[in-house]
Amino acid sequence: MRTPDTYYTRPMSPPWFKPLDVDRLSEAEADIAFAVPLAELPRLRSQLASVEGEVRGHVRFARAAGIAIAEVAMSGVARLVCQRCLEAMEIPVETAARVGLIAAEADMSRVPEDLEPVLALEGRISIGELVEEELLLTLPIVPLHAETEACAVAPEAPLVTDEADETQRPFEGLGELFKRK
């Protein structure tokens, strides 16, 4: 008996990166739960100390004033690099946002002021894009350990010393040297 040949295909992209029809989801008022690994977010990867972990949450789609809306709620932990001591630190992520999904930049003026406009090209966007965008806005640009946390760098010595009253003049005798010639 002959065995069938194996058919190799390209691996399927994760479901959170599949572009979704924004209009259809907003008309149906869909609610989608997700768990996205941080390693799968390419624009965020360079800021992370470790790509371990994931963000969990849900996106609820709706429509208001003719605009598709996505309400994104998520939580998780991101491991970033402290810019003071260059050691890994954990930043808890707990956020919720409402965004207006637009198909073209020309539609930006139609988005109500209480919503952040997000471009959904050709009326399609993936859950991964929404999650990545929200994380980029939520995480600090310059992560630092909190003052209550121990940072690996020893505190700097104060700039003011007891000898601050002494004025040093390294070039004070320079005039005398020029007169000798």
N, C-alpha and C. Protein backbone atom coordinates (compact mmCIF):
# COMPACT_ATOMS: atom_id res chain seq x y z
N MET A 1 0.83 -1.16 0.00
CA MET A 1 0.00 0.00 0.00
C MET A 1 0.88 1.24 0.00
N ARG A 2 0.54 2.17 -0.77
CA ARG A 2 1.32 3.40 -0.93
C ARG A 2 0.86 4.43 0.11
N THR A 3 1.85 5.09 0.77
CA THR A 3 1.51 6.14 1.74
C THR A 3 1.44 7.47 1.02
N PRO A 4 0.56 8.33 1.43
CA PRO A 4 0.44 9.62 0.76
C PRO A 4 1.67 10.48 1.04
N ASP A 5 2.01 11.31 0.06
CA ASP A 5 3.11 12.25 0.23
C ASP A 5 2.69 13.31 1.25
N THR A 6 3.67 13.79 1.98
CA THR A 6 3.40 14.84 2.96
C THR A 6 3.34 16.17 2.23
N TYR A 7 2.34 16.94 2.59
CA TYR A 7 2.18 18.27 2.00
C TYR A 7 2.55 19.30 3.05
N TYR A 8 3.61 20.03 2.79
CA TYR A 8 4.08 21.03 3.74
C TYR A 8 3.50 22.38 3.38
N THR A 9 3.02 23.06 4.39
CA THR A 9 2.51 24.42 4.18
C THR A 9 3.23 25.35 5.14
N ARG A 10 3.15 26.59 4.84
CA ARG A 10 3.69 27.61 5.73
C ARG A 10 2.88 27.59 7.02
N PRO A 11 3.52 27.77 8.18
CA PRO A 11 2.75 27.78 9.43
C PRO A 11 1.71 28.90 9.40
N MET A 12 0.57 28.62 9.98
CA MET A 12 -0.49 29.63 10.03
C MET A 12 -0.10 30.72 10.99
N SER A 13 -0.49 31.95 10.68
CA SER A 13 -0.22 33.04 11.59
C SER A 13 -1.14 32.90 12.81
N PRO A 14 -0.68 33.39 13.94
CA PRO A 14 -1.50 33.28 15.14
C PRO A 14 -2.84 33.99 14.93
N PRO A 15 -3.90 33.55 15.62
CA PRO A 15 -5.22 34.14 15.40
C PRO A 15 -5.29 35.62 15.75
N TRP A 16 -4.44 36.10 16.65
CA TRP A 16 -4.52 37.51 17.03
C TRP A 16 -3.91 38.42 15.97
N PHE A 17 -3.24 37.86 14.94
CA PHE A 17 -2.71 38.70 13.87
C PHE A 17 -3.51 38.58 12.58
N LYS A 18 -4.60 37.87 12.64
CA LYS A 18 -5.48 37.74 11.49
C LYS A 18 -6.29 39.04 11.36
N PRO A 19 -6.19 39.73 10.20
CA PRO A 19 -6.97 40.96 10.04
C PRO A 19 -8.47 40.67 10.08
N LEU A 20 -9.17 41.48 10.86
CA LEU A 20 -10.61 41.31 11.04
C LEU A 20 -11.37 42.46 10.40
N ASP A 21 -12.57 42.18 9.92
CA ASP A 21 -13.42 43.20 9.30
C ASP A 21 -14.04 44.06 10.39
N VAL A 22 -13.62 45.30 10.48
CA VAL A 22 -14.04 46.21 11.53
C VAL A 22 -15.54 46.49 11.46
N ASP A 23 -16.07 46.73 10.27
CA ASP A 23 -17.50 47.05 10.13
C ASP A 23 -18.37 45.90 10.59
N ARG A 24 -18.03 44.69 10.19
CA ARG A 24 -18.83 43.53 10.55
C ARG A 24 -18.79 43.30 12.07
N LEU A 25 -17.62 43.44 12.68
CA LEU A 25 -17.50 43.26 14.12
C LEU A 25 -18.25 44.33 14.91
N SER A 26 -18.19 45.57 14.44
CA SER A 26 -18.87 46.65 15.16
C SER A 26 -20.38 46.56 15.01
N GLU A 27 -20.87 46.13 13.86
CA GLU A 27 -22.31 45.96 13.68
C GLU A 27 -22.83 44.82 14.57
N ALA A 28 -22.05 43.77 14.74
CA ALA A 28 -22.44 42.62 15.56
C ALA A 28 -22.14 42.85 17.04
N GLU A 29 -21.49 43.97 17.37
CA GLU A 29 -21.05 44.27 18.73
C GLU A 29 -20.31 43.08 19.34
N ALA A 30 -19.33 42.60 18.58
CA ALA A 30 -18.55 41.42 18.97
C ALA A 30 -17.67 41.71 20.17
N ASP A 31 -17.47 40.69 20.99
CA ASP A 31 -16.59 40.76 22.14
C ASP A 31 -15.60 39.62 22.00
N ILE A 32 -14.30 39.95 21.85
CA ILE A 32 -13.28 38.94 21.58
C ILE A 32 -12.27 38.93 22.71
N ALA A 33 -12.10 37.76 23.33
CA ALA A 33 -11.08 37.58 24.37
C ALA A 33 -9.77 37.20 23.70
N PHE A 34 -8.65 37.61 24.31
CA PHE A 34 -7.35 37.29 23.72
C PHE A 34 -6.31 37.04 24.80
N ALA A 35 -5.26 36.35 24.40
CA ALA A 35 -4.05 36.17 25.19
C ALA A 35 -2.91 36.22 24.18
N VAL A 36 -2.19 37.34 24.16
CA VAL A 36 -1.15 37.56 23.16
C VAL A 36 0.23 37.49 23.83
N PRO A 37 1.09 36.57 23.39
CA PRO A 37 2.46 36.53 23.92
C PRO A 37 3.23 37.79 23.54
N LEU A 38 3.98 38.34 24.49
CA LEU A 38 4.76 39.56 24.22
C LEU A 38 5.79 39.33 23.12
N ALA A 39 6.26 38.11 22.96
CA ALA A 39 7.24 37.80 21.92
C ALA A 39 6.67 38.01 20.52
N GLU A 40 5.36 38.04 20.38
CA GLU A 40 4.72 38.18 19.07
C GLU A 40 4.44 39.63 18.69
N LEU A 41 4.91 40.59 19.47
CA LEU A 41 4.65 42.00 19.20
C LEU A 41 5.94 42.66 18.71
N PRO A 42 6.16 42.72 17.40
CA PRO A 42 7.46 43.15 16.87
C PRO A 42 7.86 44.58 17.21
N ARG A 43 6.93 45.53 17.25
CA ARG A 43 7.31 46.92 17.54
C ARG A 43 7.65 47.12 19.01
N LEU A 44 7.25 46.21 19.85
CA LEU A 44 7.50 46.31 21.28
C LEU A 44 8.74 45.53 21.70
N ARG A 45 9.13 44.56 20.92
CA ARG A 45 10.19 43.62 21.27
C ARG A 45 11.50 44.32 21.64
N SER A 46 11.88 45.38 20.97
CA SER A 46 13.16 46.05 21.23
C SER A 46 13.18 46.75 22.60
N GLN A 47 12.02 47.06 23.16
CA GLN A 47 11.96 47.74 24.45
C GLN A 47 11.96 46.77 25.62
N LEU A 48 11.72 45.50 25.36
CA LEU A 48 11.57 44.53 26.42
C LEU A 48 12.91 43.93 26.86
N ALA A 49 13.04 43.70 28.17
CA ALA A 49 14.22 43.00 28.69
C ALA A 49 14.06 41.51 28.45
N SER A 50 12.81 41.05 28.45
CA SER A 50 12.51 39.65 28.23
C SER A 50 11.17 39.57 27.51
N VAL A 51 11.08 38.67 26.56
CA VAL A 51 9.83 38.53 25.80
C VAL A 51 8.93 37.46 26.40
N GLU A 52 9.25 37.04 27.61
CA GLU A 52 8.40 36.07 28.28
C GLU A 52 7.12 36.74 28.74
N GLY A 53 6.07 35.94 28.85
CA GLY A 53 4.81 36.45 29.36
C GLY A 53 3.84 36.79 28.24
N GLU A 54 2.68 37.21 28.67
CA GLU A 54 1.63 37.55 27.73
C GLU A 54 0.72 38.60 28.32
N VAL A 55 -0.10 39.17 27.46
CA VAL A 55 -1.11 40.12 27.88
C VAL A 55 -2.46 39.49 27.60
N ARG A 56 -3.35 39.56 28.56
CA ARG A 56 -4.68 38.99 28.42
C ARG A 56 -5.72 40.09 28.51
N GLY A 57 -6.82 39.87 27.84
CA GLY A 57 -7.89 40.85 27.91
C GLY A 57 -8.99 40.56 26.92
N HIS A 58 -9.72 41.60 26.57
CA HIS A 58 -10.77 41.45 25.57
C HIS A 58 -10.96 42.77 24.83
N VAL A 59 -11.52 42.65 23.63
CA VAL A 59 -11.86 43.81 22.81
C VAL A 59 -13.35 43.71 22.51
N ARG A 60 -14.05 44.79 22.79
CA ARG A 60 -15.48 44.85 22.49
C ARG A 60 -15.67 45.89 21.39
N PHE A 61 -16.28 45.47 20.31
CA PHE A 61 -16.52 46.35 19.17
C PHE A 61 -17.93 46.92 19.25
N ALA A 62 -18.08 48.16 18.80
CA ALA A 62 -19.39 48.81 18.77
C ALA A 62 -19.35 49.88 17.68
N ARG A 63 -20.44 50.58 17.53
CA ARG A 63 -20.52 51.67 16.56
C ARG A 63 -21.22 52.84 17.22
N ALA A 64 -20.65 54.03 17.05
CA ALA A 64 -21.24 55.26 17.58
C ALA A 64 -20.97 56.39 16.60
N ALA A 65 -21.99 57.13 16.29
CA ALA A 65 -21.90 58.28 15.37
C ALA A 65 -21.25 57.88 14.05
N GLY A 66 -21.55 56.69 13.58
CA GLY A 66 -21.04 56.23 12.30
C GLY A 66 -19.59 55.78 12.32
N ILE A 67 -18.98 55.73 13.48
CA ILE A 67 -17.58 55.33 13.63
C ILE A 67 -17.52 53.98 14.35
N ALA A 68 -16.70 53.08 13.83
CA ALA A 68 -16.46 51.81 14.51
C ALA A 68 -15.58 52.07 15.72
N ILE A 69 -15.96 51.49 16.84
CA ILE A 69 -15.23 51.71 18.10
C ILE A 69 -14.76 50.37 18.64
N ALA A 70 -13.56 50.37 19.19
CA ALA A 70 -13.03 49.20 19.88
C ALA A 70 -12.69 49.60 21.30
N GLU A 71 -13.27 48.87 22.25
CA GLU A 71 -12.94 49.08 23.66
C GLU A 71 -11.99 47.97 24.06
N VAL A 72 -10.74 48.34 24.31
CA VAL A 72 -9.68 47.38 24.61
C VAL A 72 -9.39 47.42 26.10
N ALA A 73 -9.44 46.26 26.75
CA ALA A 73 -9.07 46.13 28.16
C ALA A 73 -8.07 44.99 28.25
N MET A 74 -6.95 45.23 28.94
CA MET A 74 -5.94 44.18 29.04
C MET A 74 -5.14 44.31 30.32
N SER A 75 -4.51 43.19 30.68
CA SER A 75 -3.64 43.18 31.85
C SER A 75 -2.52 42.17 31.61
N GLY A 76 -1.44 42.39 32.31
CA GLY A 76 -0.28 41.52 32.19
C GLY A 76 0.92 42.17 32.85
N VAL A 77 2.09 41.64 32.58
CA VAL A 77 3.34 42.19 33.12
C VAL A 77 4.35 42.25 31.99
N ALA A 78 4.97 43.42 31.82
CA ALA A 78 6.03 43.59 30.83
C ALA A 78 7.36 43.73 31.57
N ARG A 79 8.38 43.09 31.07
CA ARG A 79 9.71 43.19 31.67
C ARG A 79 10.54 44.12 30.80
N LEU A 80 10.82 45.32 31.34
CA LEU A 80 11.58 46.33 30.63
C LEU A 80 12.95 46.50 31.27
N VAL A 81 13.81 47.30 30.64
CA VAL A 81 15.15 47.57 31.15
C VAL A 81 15.14 48.93 31.81
N CYS A 82 15.51 48.96 33.10
CA CYS A 82 15.62 50.23 33.83
C CYS A 82 16.74 51.04 33.18
N GLN A 83 16.46 52.28 32.83
CA GLN A 83 17.45 53.10 32.15
C GLN A 83 18.47 53.71 33.10
N ARG A 84 18.28 53.51 34.40
CA ARG A 84 19.25 53.98 35.36
C ARG A 84 20.30 52.91 35.65
N CYS A 85 19.86 51.68 35.92
CA CYS A 85 20.81 50.62 36.29
C CYS A 85 20.97 49.56 35.21
N LEU A 86 20.17 49.62 34.15
CA LEU A 86 20.19 48.69 33.03
C LEU A 86 19.87 47.25 33.44
N GLU A 87 19.13 47.09 34.52
CA GLU A 87 18.67 45.79 34.97
C GLU A 87 17.20 45.62 34.60
N ALA A 88 16.76 44.38 34.54
CA ALA A 88 15.36 44.10 34.20
C ALA A 88 14.45 44.54 35.35
N MET A 89 13.28 45.00 34.98
CA MET A 89 12.27 45.39 35.96
C MET A 89 10.90 45.04 35.42
N GLU A 90 9.97 44.80 36.30
CA GLU A 90 8.63 44.42 35.87
C GLU A 90 7.70 45.62 35.99
N ILE A 91 6.94 45.84 34.93
CA ILE A 91 5.94 46.91 34.90
C ILE A 91 4.58 46.24 34.76
N PRO A 92 3.71 46.37 35.76
CA PRO A 92 2.37 45.80 35.60
C PRO A 92 1.57 46.61 34.59
N VAL A 93 0.83 45.91 33.77
CA VAL A 93 0.00 46.57 32.75
C VAL A 93 -1.46 46.27 33.09
N GLU A 94 -2.21 47.31 33.30
CA GLU A 94 -3.64 47.21 33.57
C GLU A 94 -4.25 48.43 32.90
N THR A 95 -4.83 48.24 31.74
CA THR A 95 -5.30 49.39 30.99
C THR A 95 -6.61 49.11 30.27
N ALA A 96 -7.33 50.17 30.01
CA ALA A 96 -8.56 50.11 29.22
C ALA A 96 -8.60 51.37 28.37
N ALA A 97 -8.97 51.22 27.12
CA ALA A 97 -9.01 52.36 26.21
C ALA A 97 -10.14 52.19 25.20
N ARG A 98 -10.64 53.31 24.74
CA ARG A 98 -11.64 53.31 23.67
C ARG A 98 -11.02 54.01 22.47
N VAL A 99 -11.03 53.35 21.34
CA VAL A 99 -10.43 53.91 20.13
C VAL A 99 -11.45 53.92 19.01
N GLY A 100 -11.33 54.92 18.15
CA GLY A 100 -12.16 55.00 16.95
C GLY A 100 -11.38 54.44 15.78
N LEU A 101 -11.94 53.47 15.10
CA LEU A 101 -11.25 52.81 13.99
C LEU A 101 -11.65 53.46 12.68
N ILE A 102 -10.67 54.00 11.98
CA ILE A 102 -10.93 54.70 10.72
C ILE A 102 -10.18 54.01 9.58
N ALA A 103 -10.77 54.08 8.39
CA ALA A 103 -10.18 53.41 7.23
C ALA A 103 -9.13 54.27 6.53
N ALA A 104 -9.20 55.58 6.71
CA ALA A 104 -8.25 56.49 6.04
C ALA A 104 -7.98 57.68 6.95
N GLU A 105 -6.83 58.30 6.78
CA GLU A 105 -6.46 59.46 7.58
C GLU A 105 -7.44 60.62 7.38
N ALA A 106 -8.07 60.68 6.23
CA ALA A 106 -9.04 61.74 5.96
C ALA A 106 -10.25 61.66 6.89
N ASP A 107 -10.52 60.50 7.46
CA ASP A 107 -11.66 60.31 8.37
C ASP A 107 -11.34 60.72 9.80
N MET A 108 -10.14 61.16 10.07
CA MET A 108 -9.72 61.47 11.43
C MET A 108 -10.59 62.56 12.07
N SER A 109 -11.06 63.51 11.30
CA SER A 109 -11.87 64.60 11.85
C SER A 109 -13.24 64.11 12.29
N ARG A 110 -13.69 62.95 11.82
CA ARG A 110 -15.00 62.40 12.21
C ARG A 110 -14.97 61.71 13.56
N VAL A 111 -13.78 61.40 14.06
CA VAL A 111 -13.65 60.68 15.33
C VAL A 111 -13.93 61.64 16.48
N PRO A 112 -14.86 61.27 17.39
CA PRO A 112 -15.14 62.14 18.54
C PRO A 112 -13.88 62.38 19.37
N GLU A 113 -13.84 63.53 20.05
CA GLU A 113 -12.63 63.93 20.79
C GLU A 113 -12.29 62.99 21.93
N ASP A 114 -13.26 62.27 22.48
CA ASP A 114 -12.97 61.39 23.60
C ASP A 114 -12.38 60.05 23.16
N LEU A 115 -12.22 59.85 21.86
CA LEU A 115 -11.65 58.61 21.32
C LEU A 115 -10.31 58.89 20.67
N GLU A 116 -9.42 57.94 20.79
CA GLU A 116 -8.13 58.00 20.10
C GLU A 116 -8.32 57.37 18.72
N PRO A 117 -7.99 58.08 17.63
CA PRO A 117 -8.14 57.47 16.31
C PRO A 117 -7.05 56.43 16.03
N VAL A 118 -7.46 55.30 15.47
CA VAL A 118 -6.52 54.24 15.07
C VAL A 118 -6.84 53.88 13.64
N LEU A 119 -5.81 53.84 12.81
CA LEU A 119 -5.98 53.55 11.40
C LEU A 119 -6.16 52.05 11.18
N ALA A 120 -7.29 51.70 10.59
CA ALA A 120 -7.59 50.32 10.22
C ALA A 120 -7.66 50.30 8.69
N LEU A 121 -6.52 50.09 8.06
CA LEU A 121 -6.45 50.16 6.60
C LEU A 121 -7.45 49.20 5.95
N GLU A 122 -8.14 49.71 4.96
CA GLU A 122 -9.14 48.94 4.22
C GLU A 122 -10.21 48.35 5.13
N GLY A 123 -10.44 48.99 6.30
CA GLY A 123 -11.48 48.54 7.20
C GLY A 123 -11.15 47.25 7.93
N ARG A 124 -9.85 46.93 8.04
CA ARG A 124 -9.44 45.68 8.69
C ARG A 124 -8.33 45.99 9.70
N ILE A 125 -8.38 45.29 10.83
CA ILE A 125 -7.34 45.42 11.85
C ILE A 125 -7.28 44.11 12.64
N SER A 126 -6.11 43.81 13.17
CA SER A 126 -5.97 42.59 13.95
C SER A 126 -5.98 42.94 15.44
N ILE A 127 -6.29 41.96 16.24
CA ILE A 127 -6.25 42.13 17.70
C ILE A 127 -4.81 42.45 18.12
N GLY A 128 -3.84 41.81 17.51
CA GLY A 128 -2.43 42.06 17.82
C GLY A 128 -2.04 43.52 17.60
N GLU A 129 -2.54 44.12 16.52
CA GLU A 129 -2.23 45.53 16.26
C GLU A 129 -2.84 46.44 17.33
N LEU A 130 -4.06 46.15 17.75
CA LEU A 130 -4.70 46.95 18.80
C LEU A 130 -3.94 46.81 20.12
N VAL A 131 -3.57 45.58 20.46
CA VAL A 131 -2.84 45.33 21.71
C VAL A 131 -1.48 46.01 21.68
N GLU A 132 -0.75 45.86 20.58
CA GLU A 132 0.57 46.45 20.47
C GLU A 132 0.52 47.97 20.56
N GLU A 133 -0.44 48.57 19.89
CA GLU A 133 -0.60 50.03 19.91
C GLU A 133 -0.88 50.52 21.33
N GLU A 134 -1.77 49.84 22.03
CA GLU A 134 -2.12 50.24 23.39
C GLU A 134 -0.94 50.06 24.34
N LEU A 135 -0.18 48.99 24.18
CA LEU A 135 1.00 48.79 25.03
C LEU A 135 2.06 49.87 24.78
N LEU A 136 2.25 50.24 23.53
CA LEU A 136 3.23 51.29 23.22
C LEU A 136 2.83 52.62 23.86
N LEU A 137 1.53 52.87 23.95
CA LEU A 137 1.06 54.11 24.59
C LEU A 137 1.09 54.02 26.11
N THR A 138 0.95 52.82 26.66
CA THR A 138 0.85 52.63 28.10
C THR A 138 2.20 52.54 28.79
N LEU A 139 3.14 51.81 28.20
CA LEU A 139 4.43 51.59 28.85
C LEU A 139 5.27 52.87 28.86
N PRO A 140 6.07 53.07 29.89
CA PRO A 140 6.88 54.30 29.96
C PRO A 140 7.94 54.34 28.86
N ILE A 141 8.20 55.54 28.37
CA ILE A 141 9.23 55.72 27.34
C ILE A 141 10.61 55.49 27.94
N VAL A 142 10.81 55.99 29.16
CA VAL A 142 12.07 55.81 29.88
C VAL A 142 11.75 55.07 31.18
N PRO A 143 11.81 53.74 31.17
CA PRO A 143 11.49 53.00 32.39
C PRO A 143 12.57 53.15 33.45
N LEU A 144 12.15 53.43 34.68
CA LEU A 144 13.05 53.56 35.82
C LEU A 144 12.43 52.86 37.01
N HIS A 145 13.29 52.26 37.85
CA HIS A 145 12.78 51.71 39.10
C HIS A 145 12.14 52.83 39.90
N ALA A 146 11.10 52.52 40.63
CA ALA A 146 10.46 53.51 41.49
C ALA A 146 11.42 53.86 42.62
N GLU A 147 11.21 55.02 43.22
CA GLU A 147 12.10 55.45 44.30
C GLU A 147 12.06 54.48 45.47
N THR A 148 10.95 53.77 45.63
CA THR A 148 10.84 52.82 46.74
C THR A 148 11.50 51.48 46.42
N GLU A 149 11.81 51.23 45.14
CA GLU A 149 12.46 49.99 44.74
C GLU A 149 13.97 50.15 44.75
N ALA A 150 14.65 49.06 44.97
CA ALA A 150 16.11 49.08 44.96
C ALA A 150 16.62 49.03 43.53
N CYS A 151 17.35 50.05 43.15
CA CYS A 151 17.98 50.10 41.84
C CYS A 151 19.41 49.61 42.02
N ALA A 152 19.96 48.91 41.06
CA ALA A 152 21.29 48.32 41.18
C ALA A 152 22.40 49.37 41.22
N VAL A 153 22.09 50.60 40.83
CA VAL A 153 23.10 51.66 40.83
C VAL A 153 23.11 52.33 42.19
N ALA A 154 24.30 52.50 42.77
CA ALA A 154 24.41 53.20 44.05
C ALA A 154 24.03 54.65 43.84
N PRO A 155 23.41 55.26 44.82
CA PRO A 155 23.04 56.67 44.66
C PRO A 155 24.28 57.52 44.45
N GLU A 156 24.14 58.51 43.61
CA GLU A 156 25.27 59.38 43.30
C GLU A 156 25.65 60.21 44.52
N ALA A 157 26.93 60.51 44.62
CA ALA A 157 27.40 61.37 45.71
C ALA A 157 26.86 62.77 45.47
N PRO A 158 26.52 63.47 46.52
CA PRO A 158 26.00 64.83 46.33
C PRO A 158 27.05 65.72 45.69
N LEU A 159 26.60 66.63 44.87
CA LEU A 159 27.51 67.53 44.17
C LEU A 159 28.07 68.59 45.11
N VAL A 160 27.36 68.95 46.14
CA VAL A 160 27.82 69.97 47.07
C VAL A 160 28.63 69.27 48.16
N THR A 161 29.85 69.75 48.38
CA THR A 161 30.71 69.18 49.42
C THR A 161 31.02 70.25 50.46
N ASP A 162 31.69 69.82 51.54
CA ASP A 162 32.08 70.78 52.58
C ASP A 162 33.14 71.75 52.08
N GLU A 163 33.87 71.36 51.04
CA GLU A 163 34.94 72.19 50.50
C GLU A 163 34.44 73.12 49.42
N ALA A 164 33.13 73.32 49.34
CA ALA A 164 32.56 74.15 48.29
C ALA A 164 33.00 75.60 48.41
N ASP A 165 33.39 76.04 49.64
CA ASP A 165 33.81 77.42 49.83
C ASP A 165 35.20 77.67 49.23
N GLU A 166 36.02 76.63 49.09
CA GLU A 166 37.35 76.79 48.50
C GLU A 166 37.21 76.91 47.00
N THR A 167 37.73 77.98 46.44
CA THR A 167 37.71 78.17 45.01
C THR A 167 39.06 77.77 44.46
N GLN A 168 39.02 76.88 43.50
CA GLN A 168 40.26 76.45 42.88
C GLN A 168 40.52 77.30 41.66
N ARG A 169 41.77 77.74 41.50
CA ARG A 169 42.16 78.58 40.36
C ARG A 169 43.39 77.96 39.72
N PRO A 170 43.18 77.01 38.80
CA PRO A 170 44.33 76.30 38.23
C PRO A 170 45.23 77.17 37.36
N PHE A 171 44.72 78.25 36.81
CA PHE A 171 45.53 79.08 35.91
C PHE A 171 46.00 80.36 36.59
N GLU A 172 45.92 80.43 37.90
CA GLU A 172 46.27 81.63 38.65
C GLU A 172 47.74 82.04 38.43
N GLY A 173 48.65 81.11 38.39
CA GLY A 173 50.07 81.43 38.22
C GLY A 173 50.51 81.50 36.78
N LEU A 174 49.61 81.36 35.83
CA LEU A 174 49.95 81.35 34.41
C LEU A 174 50.52 82.70 33.95
N GLY A 175 49.99 83.78 34.47
CA GLY A 175 50.49 85.12 34.10
C GLY A 175 51.95 85.31 34.47
N GLU A 176 52.34 84.81 35.61
CA GLU A 176 53.72 84.90 36.07
C GLU A 176 54.66 84.13 35.13
N LEU A 177 54.21 82.99 34.63
CA LEU A 177 55.05 82.20 33.73
C LEU A 177 55.29 82.95 32.42
N PHE A 178 54.28 83.64 31.90
CA PHE A 178 54.45 84.38 30.64
C PHE A 178 55.38 85.59 30.82
N LYS A 179 55.45 86.20 31.98
CA LYS A 179 56.30 87.37 32.24
C LYS A 179 57.76 86.95 32.25
N ARG A 180 58.12 85.73 32.56
CA ARG A 180 59.49 85.28 32.65
C ARG A 180 60.17 85.24 31.29
N LYS A 181 59.51 85.12 30.25
CA LYS A 181 60.15 85.00 28.94
C LYS A 181 60.49 86.28 28.37
